[in-house]
């Protein structure tokens, strides 16, 4: 996963055992939007990234906007 910041979100989501719907509810978003972000199909806004990181307890992870295609 390297330095792919949304991979950090995906890993934290998996560790927390939260579905995309669960995580979306925590950040007042939609499951589809969370799925797009986690899969690298959409770049989260800075606010979305911060909300995701905070909801998952990884608020210190900076968002570079770089997404891997792995």
Protein backbone atom coordinates (compact mmCIF):
# COMPACT_ATOMS: atom_id res chain seq x y z
CA UNK A 1 0.00 0.00 0.00
CA UNK A 2 2.97 2.31 0.39
CA UNK A 3 2.22 5.98 0.85
CA UNK A 4 -1.32 5.74 -0.52
CA UNK A 5 -3.19 7.76 2.11
CA UNK A 6 -6.66 6.43 1.36
CA UNK A 7 -5.16 2.99 1.85
CA UNK A 8 -4.61 4.09 5.45
CA UNK A 9 -8.33 4.88 5.63
CA UNK A 10 -9.20 1.50 4.09
CA UNK A 11 -6.94 -0.36 6.52
CA UNK A 12 -8.37 1.50 9.51
CA UNK A 13 -11.90 0.82 8.29
CA UNK A 14 -11.12 -2.89 8.00
CA UNK A 15 -9.50 -2.94 11.45
CA UNK A 16 -12.56 -1.22 12.91
CA UNK A 17 -14.81 -3.75 11.14
CA UNK A 18 -16.96 -0.97 9.68
CA UNK A 19 -18.88 -1.30 6.44
CA UNK A 20 -18.94 1.56 3.96
CA UNK A 21 -22.47 2.30 5.19
CA UNK A 22 -21.31 2.39 8.81
CA UNK A 23 -18.46 4.74 7.98
CA UNK A 24 -20.68 6.91 5.80
CA UNK A 25 -23.12 7.32 8.67
CA UNK A 26 -20.28 8.44 10.94
CA UNK A 27 -19.24 11.21 8.52
CA UNK A 28 -22.70 12.17 7.25
CA UNK A 29 -22.03 10.94 3.72
CA UNK A 30 -23.29 8.15 1.48
CA UNK A 31 -22.01 4.58 1.28
CA UNK A 32 -21.40 5.06 -2.44
CA UNK A 33 -19.16 8.08 -1.80
CA UNK A 34 -17.17 6.20 0.85
CA UNK A 35 -16.75 3.25 -1.53
CA UNK A 36 -15.48 5.56 -4.29
CA UNK A 37 -12.94 7.13 -1.92
CA UNK A 38 -11.74 3.84 -0.44
CA UNK A 39 -11.35 2.26 -3.88
CA UNK A 40 -9.46 5.28 -5.23
CA UNK A 41 -12.17 6.10 -7.77
CA UNK A 42 -12.76 9.54 -6.23
CA UNK A 43 -10.47 11.95 -4.47
CA UNK A 44 -11.91 13.07 -1.15
CA UNK A 45 -12.07 16.71 -0.33
CA UNK A 46 -9.84 17.78 2.54
CA UNK A 47 -12.94 17.94 4.76
CA UNK A 48 -14.02 14.42 3.76
CA UNK A 49 -10.57 13.04 4.38
CA UNK A 50 -10.32 14.68 7.79
CA UNK A 51 -13.79 13.39 8.71
CA UNK A 52 -12.88 9.86 7.65
CA UNK A 53 -9.56 9.94 9.49
CA UNK A 54 -11.14 11.36 12.62
CA UNK A 55 -13.98 8.81 12.57
CA UNK A 56 -11.37 6.06 12.35
CA UNK A 57 -9.00 7.50 14.92
CA UNK A 58 -6.19 8.27 12.50
CA UNK A 59 -6.46 12.05 12.38
CA UNK A 60 -2.67 12.49 12.04
CA UNK A 61 -2.57 11.04 8.52
CA UNK A 62 -2.08 13.82 5.96
CA UNK A 63 -4.00 13.65 2.69
CA UNK A 64 -1.87 14.06 -0.42
CA UNK A 65 -4.64 13.47 -2.94
CA UNK A 66 -2.52 10.73 -4.50
CA UNK A 67 -4.35 7.49 -5.20
CA UNK A 68 -2.88 4.16 -6.18
CA UNK A 69 -4.54 1.84 -8.65
CA UNK A 70 -3.74 -1.39 -6.82
